[in-house]
């Protein structure tokens, strides 16, 4: 698993992909930070993270699109499936690499709340206490949401040998999941409540408002585990075929 992780991380940073994703996401973060916090004189960086969470639907599939699709295209997937390394270790190694890149990107955005905390007087014209607890809670929710999205992206990558198609499949799945809350709210009733309950975005809302919900943490971790398990089963099925 460690060797898979190192290989995937090396693949990220020896190609333009990681630099493109990091640069694009940080540029988007800067624009939202300027508009939401500086222009509107708000010290709530959780609002900026909440705005950025909707863009993960597009960024995460780009991070994961080559994970298995590239193996198929290069013909190395057969070597992975027939190697003595267990499939679950391969999947977890690839997941760990994608998750590490995502966390690195998120950590780069931490400069924004630090700037706010040192310049609250200029931002708000008053001297309030910076909401560090709410901000940290939002970051935890943001990372958990990203971890669940990465598992979906990894599963999408296992379906096709075309990296672009894998990214599109991942985006479509994530878009559908992101609209579950809206659909559930409009439907109402039992079905609507179920859709809202399983929605990933609705659970992130708890963290965005400063509510540290243990149930939502368990849900995100369980969701990620289940999707990774499905990915492992999908690859194991191909091995036996």
C-alpha atoms as a PDB file:
ATOM      1  CA  UNK A   1       0.000   0.000   0.000  1.00  0.00           C
ATOM      2  CA  UNK A   2       2.849   2.360   0.819  1.00  0.00           C
ATOM      3  CA  UNK A   3       4.437   1.737  -2.591  1.00  0.00           C
ATOM      4  CA  UNK A   4       1.115   2.465  -4.346  1.00  0.00           C
ATOM      5  CA  UNK A   5       0.747   5.679  -2.352  1.00  0.00           C
ATOM      6  CA  UNK A   6       4.255   6.855  -3.250  1.00  0.00           C
ATOM      7  CA  UNK A   7       3.758   6.006  -6.922  1.00  0.00           C
ATOM      8  CA  UNK A   8       0.479   7.930  -7.129  1.00  0.00           C
ATOM      9  CA  UNK A   9       1.876  10.979  -5.320  1.00  0.00           C
ATOM     10  CA  UNK A  10       4.878  10.957  -7.634  1.00  0.00           C
ATOM     11  CA  UNK A  11       2.519  10.717 -10.627  1.00  0.00           C
ATOM     12  CA  UNK A  12       0.617  13.779  -9.407  1.00  0.00           C
ATOM     13  CA  UNK A  13       3.648  16.017  -9.060  1.00  0.00           C
ATOM     14  CA  UNK A  14       5.529  14.853 -12.151  1.00  0.00           C
ATOM     15  CA  UNK A  15       2.599  15.947 -14.315  1.00  0.00           C
ATOM     16  CA  UNK A  16       0.804  19.307 -14.565  1.00  0.00           C
ATOM     17  CA  UNK A  17      -2.338  17.860 -12.959  1.00  0.00           C
ATOM     18  CA  UNK A  18      -1.562  18.599  -9.300  1.00  0.00           C
ATOM     19  CA  UNK A  19      -0.265  22.091 -10.066  1.00  0.00           C
ATOM     20  CA  UNK A  20      -3.317  22.861 -12.209  1.00  0.00           C
ATOM     21  CA  UNK A  21      -5.756  21.679  -9.533  1.00  0.00           C
ATOM     22  CA  UNK A  22      -3.920  23.439  -6.693  1.00  0.00           C
ATOM     23  CA  UNK A  23      -3.534  26.674  -8.657  1.00  0.00           C
ATOM     24  CA  UNK A  24      -7.135  26.698  -9.878  1.00  0.00           C
ATOM     25  CA  UNK A  25      -8.618  25.928  -6.468  1.00  0.00           C
ATOM     26  CA  UNK A  26      -6.496  28.528  -4.695  1.00  0.00           C
ATOM     27  CA  UNK A  27      -7.435  31.138  -7.320  1.00  0.00           C
ATOM     28  CA  UNK A  28     -11.093  30.295  -6.724  1.00  0.00           C
ATOM     29  CA  UNK A  29     -10.533  30.493  -2.977  1.00  0.00           C
ATOM     30  CA  UNK A  30      -8.940  33.916  -3.364  1.00  0.00           C
ATOM     31  CA  UNK A  31     -11.866  35.240  -5.386  1.00  0.00           C
ATOM     32  CA  UNK A  32     -14.425  33.961  -2.881  1.00  0.00           C
ATOM     33  CA  UNK A  33     -12.352  35.227   0.042  1.00  0.00           C
ATOM     34  CA  UNK A  34     -12.106  38.683  -1.513  1.00  0.00           C
ATOM     35  CA  UNK A  35     -15.816  38.833  -2.347  1.00  0.00           C
ATOM     36  CA  UNK A  36     -17.331  37.246   0.771  1.00  0.00           C
ATOM     37  CA  UNK A  37     -14.910  38.328   3.503  1.00  0.00           C
ATOM     38  CA  UNK A  38     -13.092  41.455   2.325  1.00  0.00           C
ATOM     39  CA  UNK A  39     -15.668  43.246   0.183  1.00  0.00           C
ATOM     40  CA  UNK A  40     -18.579  42.373   2.495  1.00  0.00           C
ATOM     41  CA  UNK A  41     -16.470  42.878   5.643  1.00  0.00           C
ATOM     42  CA  UNK A  42     -17.217  39.456   7.128  1.00  0.00           C
ATOM     43  CA  UNK A  43     -14.936  37.459   9.432  1.00  0.00           C
ATOM     44  CA  UNK A  44     -16.942  34.262   8.865  1.00  0.00           C
ATOM     45  CA  UNK A  45     -14.568  32.189   6.720  1.00  0.00           C
ATOM     46  CA  UNK A  46     -16.986  29.276   7.130  1.00  0.00           C
ATOM     47  CA  UNK A  47     -19.198  31.076   4.585  1.00  0.00           C
ATOM     48  CA  UNK A  48     -16.324  31.017   2.093  1.00  0.00           C
ATOM     49  CA  UNK A  49     -15.746  27.294   2.665  1.00  0.00           C
ATOM     50  CA  UNK A  50     -19.458  26.674   2.240  1.00  0.00           C
ATOM     51  CA  UNK A  51     -19.303  28.456  -1.128  1.00  0.00           C
ATOM     52  CA  UNK A  52     -16.218  26.472  -2.152  1.00  0.00           C
ATOM     53  CA  UNK A  53     -17.820  23.136  -1.244  1.00  0.00           C
ATOM     54  CA  UNK A  54     -20.047  23.306  -4.329  1.00  0.00           C
ATOM     55  CA  UNK A  55     -16.945  23.412  -6.561  1.00  0.00           C
ATOM     56  CA  UNK A  56     -15.612  20.128  -5.151  1.00  0.00           C
ATOM     57  CA  UNK A  57     -18.087  18.385  -7.460  1.00  0.00           C
ATOM     58  CA  UNK A  58     -15.813  19.418 -10.341  1.00  0.00           C
ATOM     59  CA  UNK A  59     -12.364  19.405  -8.731  1.00  0.00           C
ATOM     60  CA  UNK A  60     -12.471  16.002  -7.018  1.00  0.00           C
ATOM     61  CA  UNK A  61     -13.183  13.955 -10.192  1.00  0.00           C
ATOM     62  CA  UNK A  62     -10.201  15.654 -11.855  1.00  0.00           C
ATOM     63  CA  UNK A  63      -7.982  14.510  -8.982  1.00  0.00           C
ATOM     64  CA  UNK A  64      -9.227  10.909  -9.166  1.00  0.00           C
ATOM     65  CA  UNK A  65      -9.929  10.469 -12.897  1.00  0.00           C
ATOM     66  CA  UNK A  66      -6.604   8.751 -13.724  1.00  0.00           C
ATOM     67  CA  UNK A  67      -6.449   6.449 -10.714  1.00  0.00           C
ATOM     68  CA  UNK A  68      -7.733   3.307 -12.433  1.00  0.00           C
ATOM     69  CA  UNK A  69      -8.556   4.617 -15.912  1.00  0.00           C
ATOM     70  CA  UNK A  70      -4.868   5.232 -16.600  1.00  0.00           C
ATOM     71  CA  UNK A  71      -4.011   1.708 -15.464  1.00  0.00           C
ATOM     72  CA  UNK A  72      -6.507   0.301 -17.968  1.00  0.00           C
ATOM     73  CA  UNK A  73      -5.296   2.515 -20.804  1.00  0.00           C
ATOM     74  CA  UNK A  74      -1.641   1.609 -20.227  1.00  0.00           C
ATOM     75  CA  UNK A  75      -2.402  -2.072 -19.744  1.00  0.00           C
ATOM     76  CA  UNK A  76      -0.966  -2.111 -16.219  1.00  0.00           C
ATOM     77  CA  UNK A  77      -4.325  -2.879 -14.594  1.00  0.00           C
ATOM     78  CA  UNK A  78      -3.813  -6.569 -15.366  1.00  0.00           C
ATOM     79  CA  UNK A  79      -0.478  -6.473 -13.535  1.00  0.00           C
ATOM     80  CA  UNK A  80      -2.161  -4.885 -10.522  1.00  0.00           C
ATOM     81  CA  UNK A  81      -4.955  -7.445 -10.495  1.00  0.00           C
ATOM     82  CA  UNK A  82      -2.555 -10.386 -10.785  1.00  0.00           C
ATOM     83  CA  UNK A  83       0.070  -9.033  -8.394  1.00  0.00           C
ATOM     84  CA  UNK A  84       0.484 -10.520  -4.888  1.00  0.00           C
ATOM     85  CA  UNK A  85      -0.630  -7.173  -3.434  1.00  0.00           C
ATOM     86  CA  UNK A  86      -4.204  -7.407  -2.197  1.00  0.00           C
ATOM     87  CA  UNK A  87      -6.781  -5.340  -4.097  1.00  0.00           C
ATOM     88  CA  UNK A  88      -7.923  -3.516  -0.977  1.00  0.00           C
ATOM     89  CA  UNK A  89      -4.370  -2.307  -0.383  1.00  0.00           C
ATOM     90  CA  UNK A  90      -4.177  -0.987  -3.952  1.00  0.00           C
ATOM     91  CA  UNK A  91      -7.503   0.846  -3.577  1.00  0.00           C
ATOM     92  CA  UNK A  92      -6.575   2.288  -0.184  1.00  0.00           C
ATOM     93  CA  UNK A  93      -3.135   3.341  -1.461  1.00  0.00           C
ATOM     94  CA  UNK A  94      -4.690   5.240  -4.360  1.00  0.00           C
ATOM     95  CA  UNK A  95      -7.351   6.718  -2.087  1.00  0.00           C
ATOM     96  CA  UNK A  96      -4.717   7.855   0.421  1.00  0.00           C
ATOM     97  CA  UNK A  97      -2.786   9.634  -2.351  1.00  0.00           C
ATOM     98  CA  UNK A  98      -5.859  11.478  -3.643  1.00  0.00           C
ATOM     99  CA  UNK A  99      -6.930  12.354  -0.094  1.00  0.00           C
ATOM    100  CA  UNK A 100      -3.438  13.631   0.772  1.00  0.00           C
ATOM    101  CA  UNK A 101      -3.427  15.918  -2.262  1.00  0.00           C
ATOM    102  CA  UNK A 102      -6.863  17.211  -1.305  1.00  0.00           C
ATOM    103  CA  UNK A 103      -5.799  17.897   2.301  1.00  0.00           C
ATOM    104  CA  UNK A 104      -2.685  19.701   1.009  1.00  0.00           C
ATOM    105  CA  UNK A 105      -4.908  21.963  -1.103  1.00  0.00           C
ATOM    106  CA  UNK A 106      -7.219  22.634   1.847  1.00  0.00           C
ATOM    107  CA  UNK A 107      -4.287  23.456   4.138  1.00  0.00           C
ATOM    108  CA  UNK A 108      -3.075  26.028   1.609  1.00  0.00           C
ATOM    109  CA  UNK A 109      -6.347  27.925   2.072  1.00  0.00           C
ATOM    110  CA  UNK A 110      -5.719  28.266   5.834  1.00  0.00           C
ATOM    111  CA  UNK A 111      -3.794  31.474   5.144  1.00  0.00           C
ATOM    112  CA  UNK A 112      -7.142  33.213   4.580  1.00  0.00           C
ATOM    113  CA  UNK A 113      -8.607  32.842   8.110  1.00  0.00           C
ATOM    114  CA  UNK A 114      -5.163  33.688   9.529  1.00  0.00           C
ATOM    115  CA  UNK A 115      -5.205  36.949   7.558  1.00  0.00           C
ATOM    116  CA  UNK A 116      -8.715  37.659   8.831  1.00  0.00           C
ATOM    117  CA  UNK A 117      -7.751  37.017  12.448  1.00  0.00           C
ATOM    118  CA  UNK A 118      -4.885  39.523  12.233  1.00  0.00           C
ATOM    119  CA  UNK A 119      -6.840  42.150  10.336  1.00  0.00           C
ATOM    120  CA  UNK A 120     -10.316  42.019  11.866  1.00  0.00           C
ATOM    121  CA  UNK A 121     -10.271  45.760  12.590  1.00  0.00           C
ATOM    122  CA  UNK A 122      -9.732  46.606   8.937  1.00  0.00           C
ATOM    123  CA  UNK A 123     -12.323  44.071   7.786  1.00  0.00           C
ATOM    124  CA  UNK A 124     -15.192  44.856  10.158  1.00  0.00           C
ATOM    125  CA  UNK A 125     -14.334  48.268  11.723  1.00  0.00           C
ATOM    126  CA  UNK A 126     -14.761  46.646  15.139  1.00  0.00           C
ATOM    127  CA  UNK A 127     -12.678  44.247  17.227  1.00  0.00           C
ATOM    128  CA  UNK A 128     -14.709  41.036  17.593  1.00  0.00           C
ATOM    129  CA  UNK A 129     -13.372  37.668  18.694  1.00  0.00           C
ATOM    130  CA  UNK A 130     -12.436  35.606  15.659  1.00  0.00           C
ATOM    131  CA  UNK A 131     -14.641  32.457  15.437  1.00  0.00           C
ATOM    132  CA  UNK A 132     -11.823  29.911  15.406  1.00  0.00           C
ATOM    133  CA  UNK A 133     -14.015  27.059  16.702  1.00  0.00           C
ATOM    134  CA  UNK A 134     -16.569  27.574  13.929  1.00  0.00           C
ATOM    135  CA  UNK A 135     -13.831  27.920  11.317  1.00  0.00           C
ATOM    136  CA  UNK A 136     -12.047  24.729  12.419  1.00  0.00           C
ATOM    137  CA  UNK A 137     -15.378  22.883  12.509  1.00  0.00           C
ATOM    138  CA  UNK A 138     -16.073  24.040   8.949  1.00  0.00           C
ATOM    139  CA  UNK A 139     -12.658  22.782   7.854  1.00  0.00           C
ATOM    140  CA  UNK A 140     -13.351  19.379   9.419  1.00  0.00           C
ATOM    141  CA  UNK A 141     -16.687  19.173   7.609  1.00  0.00           C
ATOM    142  CA  UNK A 142     -15.068  20.330   4.365  1.00  0.00           C
ATOM    143  CA  UNK A 143     -12.404  17.611   4.572  1.00  0.00           C
ATOM    144  CA  UNK A 144     -14.991  14.936   5.439  1.00  0.00           C
ATOM    145  CA  UNK A 145     -17.133  16.011   2.476  1.00  0.00           C
ATOM    146  CA  UNK A 146     -14.067  15.866   0.235  1.00  0.00           C
ATOM    147  CA  UNK A 147     -13.153  12.396   1.529  1.00  0.00           C
ATOM    148  CA  UNK A 148     -16.603  11.089   0.588  1.00  0.00           C
ATOM    149  CA  UNK A 149     -16.369  12.733  -2.845  1.00  0.00           C
ATOM    150  CA  UNK A 150     -12.931  11.176  -3.426  1.00  0.00           C
ATOM    151  CA  UNK A 151     -14.341   7.690  -2.811  1.00  0.00           C
ATOM    152  CA  UNK A 152     -16.995   8.381  -5.481  1.00  0.00           C
ATOM    153  CA  UNK A 153     -14.339   9.659  -7.877  1.00  0.00           C
ATOM    154  CA  UNK A 154     -12.252   6.530  -7.305  1.00  0.00           C
ATOM    155  CA  UNK A 155     -15.254   4.312  -8.020  1.00  0.00           C
ATOM    156  CA  UNK A 156     -15.987   6.269 -11.223  1.00  0.00           C
ATOM    157  CA  UNK A 157     -12.382   5.819 -12.338  1.00  0.00           C
ATOM    158  CA  UNK A 158     -12.745   2.035 -12.027  1.00  0.00           C
ATOM    159  CA  UNK A 159     -15.549   2.008 -14.604  1.00  0.00           C
ATOM    160  CA  UNK A 160     -13.698   3.272 -17.676  1.00  0.00           C
ATOM    161  CA  UNK A 161     -10.261   3.298 -19.312  1.00  0.00           C
ATOM    162  CA  UNK A 162     -10.822   6.871 -20.487  1.00  0.00           C
ATOM    163  CA  UNK A 163      -9.740   9.366 -17.826  1.00  0.00           C
ATOM    164  CA  UNK A 164     -11.936  12.142 -19.211  1.00  0.00           C
ATOM    165  CA  UNK A 165     -14.981   9.873 -19.231  1.00  0.00           C
ATOM    166  CA  UNK A 166     -14.187   8.809 -15.659  1.00  0.00           C
ATOM    167  CA  UNK A 167     -14.113  12.471 -14.609  1.00  0.00           C
ATOM    168  CA  UNK A 168     -17.461  13.093 -16.314  1.00  0.00           C
ATOM    169  CA  UNK A 169     -19.014  10.029 -14.643  1.00  0.00           C
ATOM    170  CA  UNK A 170     -17.723  11.220 -11.276  1.00  0.00           C
ATOM    171  CA  UNK A 171     -19.074  14.735 -11.821  1.00  0.00           C
ATOM    172  CA  UNK A 172     -22.498  13.442 -12.831  1.00  0.00           C
ATOM    173  CA  UNK A 173     -22.739  11.191  -9.766  1.00  0.00           C
ATOM    174  CA  UNK A 174     -21.623  13.995  -7.452  1.00  0.00           C
ATOM    175  CA  UNK A 175     -24.020  16.473  -9.059  1.00  0.00           C
ATOM    176  CA  UNK A 176     -26.900  14.064  -8.507  1.00  0.00           C
ATOM    177  CA  UNK A 177     -25.857  13.571  -4.880  1.00  0.00           C
ATOM    178  CA  UNK A 178     -25.529  17.335  -4.366  1.00  0.00           C
ATOM    179  CA  UNK A 179     -29.113  17.888  -5.569  1.00  0.00           C
ATOM    180  CA  UNK A 180     -30.626  15.237  -3.299  1.00  0.00           C
ATOM    181  CA  UNK A 181     -31.245  17.753  -0.522  1.00  0.00           C
ATOM    182  CA  UNK A 182     -33.068  20.143  -2.864  1.00  0.00           C
ATOM    183  CA  UNK A 183     -35.124  17.328  -4.400  1.00  0.00           C
ATOM    184  CA  UNK A 184     -35.956  15.909  -0.974  1.00  0.00           C
ATOM    185  CA  UNK A 185     -37.031  19.302   0.345  1.00  0.00           C
ATOM    186  CA  UNK A 186     -39.332  19.829  -2.622  1.00  0.00           C
ATOM    187  CA  UNK A 187     -40.837  16.342  -2.455  1.00  0.00           C
ATOM    188  CA  UNK A 188     -41.464  16.365   1.281  1.00  0.00           C
ATOM    189  CA  UNK A 189     -42.955  13.402   3.071  1.00  0.00           C
ATOM    190  CA  UNK A 190     -41.117  10.198   3.918  1.00  0.00           C
ATOM    191  CA  UNK A 191     -39.258   9.943   0.604  1.00  0.00           C
ATOM    192  CA  UNK A 192     -38.160  13.559   0.834  1.00  0.00           C
ATOM    193  CA  UNK A 193     -36.901  13.051   4.386  1.00  0.00           C
ATOM    194  CA  UNK A 194     -34.897  10.007   3.301  1.00  0.00           C
ATOM    195  CA  UNK A 195     -33.292  11.925   0.428  1.00  0.00           C
ATOM    196  CA  UNK A 196     -32.355  14.795   2.737  1.00  0.00           C
ATOM    197  CA  UNK A 197     -30.973  12.331   5.294  1.00  0.00           C
ATOM    198  CA  UNK A 198     -28.652  10.603   2.805  1.00  0.00           C
ATOM    199  CA  UNK A 199     -27.570  13.873   1.194  1.00  0.00           C
ATOM    200  CA  UNK A 200     -23.872  14.629   1.686  1.00  0.00           C
ATOM    201  CA  UNK A 201     -24.322  18.380   1.267  1.00  0.00           C
ATOM    202  CA  UNK A 202     -27.084  18.632   3.885  1.00  0.00           C
ATOM    203  CA  UNK A 203     -24.779  17.123   6.497  1.00  0.00           C
ATOM    204  CA  UNK A 204     -22.027  19.577   5.619  1.00  0.00           C
ATOM    205  CA  UNK A 205     -24.464  22.391   6.425  1.00  0.00           C
ATOM    206  CA  UNK A 206     -24.189  21.433  10.107  1.00  0.00           C
ATOM    207  CA  UNK A 207     -20.454  22.125  10.094  1.00  0.00           C
ATOM    208  CA  UNK A 208     -20.883  25.312   8.049  1.00  0.00           C
ATOM    209  CA  UNK A 209     -23.142  26.751  10.754  1.00  0.00           C
ATOM    210  CA  UNK A 210     -20.741  25.782  13.539  1.00  0.00           C
ATOM    211  CA  UNK A 211     -22.586  22.654  14.692  1.00  0.00           C
ATOM    212  CA  UNK A 212     -20.112  19.822  15.371  1.00  0.00           C
ATOM    213  CA  UNK A 213     -22.368  16.833  14.685  1.00  0.00           C
ATOM    214  CA  UNK A 214     -20.894  13.448  15.605  1.00  0.00           C
ATOM    215  CA  UNK A 215     -23.643  11.653  13.645  1.00  0.00           C
ATOM    216  CA  UNK A 216     -22.580  13.466  10.462  1.00  0.00           C
ATOM    217  CA  UNK A 217     -18.934  12.480  11.040  1.00  0.00           C
ATOM    218  CA  UNK A 218     -19.923   8.817  11.406  1.00  0.00           C
ATOM    219  CA  UNK A 219     -22.092   9.103   8.293  1.00  0.00           C
ATOM    220  CA  UNK A 220     -19.275  10.556   6.161  1.00  0.00           C
ATOM    221  CA  UNK A 221     -16.818   7.896   7.321  1.00  0.00           C
ATOM    222  CA  UNK A 222     -19.352   5.103   6.776  1.00  0.00           C
ATOM    223  CA  UNK A 223     -20.270   6.427   3.330  1.00  0.00           C
ATOM    224  CA  UNK A 224     -16.603   6.567   2.327  1.00  0.00           C
ATOM    225  CA  UNK A 225     -16.001   3.030   3.614  1.00  0.00           C
ATOM    226  CA  UNK A 226     -19.010   1.616   1.731  1.00  0.00           C
ATOM    227  CA  UNK A 227     -18.040   3.261  -1.582  1.00  0.00           C
ATOM    228  CA  UNK A 228     -14.431   2.063  -1.243  1.00  0.00           C
ATOM    229  CA  UNK A 229     -15.742  -1.436  -0.508  1.00  0.00           C
ATOM    230  CA  UNK A 230     -17.862  -1.307  -3.689  1.00  0.00           C
ATOM    231  CA  UNK A 231     -14.761  -0.192  -5.628  1.00  0.00           C
ATOM    232  CA  UNK A 232     -12.787  -3.144  -4.258  1.00  0.00           C
ATOM    233  CA  UNK A 233     -15.596  -5.563  -5.159  1.00  0.00           C
ATOM    234  CA  UNK A 234     -15.811  -4.085  -8.672  1.00  0.00           C
ATOM    235  CA  UNK A 235     -12.091  -4.638  -9.253  1.00  0.00           C
ATOM    236  CA  UNK A 236     -12.118  -8.092  -7.655  1.00  0.00           C
ATOM    237  CA  UNK A 237     -14.969  -9.054  -9.997  1.00  0.00           C
ATOM    238  CA  UNK A 238     -12.788  -8.156 -12.984  1.00  0.00           C
ATOM    239  CA  UNK A 239      -9.931 -10.205 -11.550  1.00  0.00           C
ATOM    240  CA  UNK A 240     -12.080 -13.351 -11.397  1.00  0.00           C
ATOM    241  CA  UNK A 241     -13.570 -12.702 -14.832  1.00  0.00           C
END
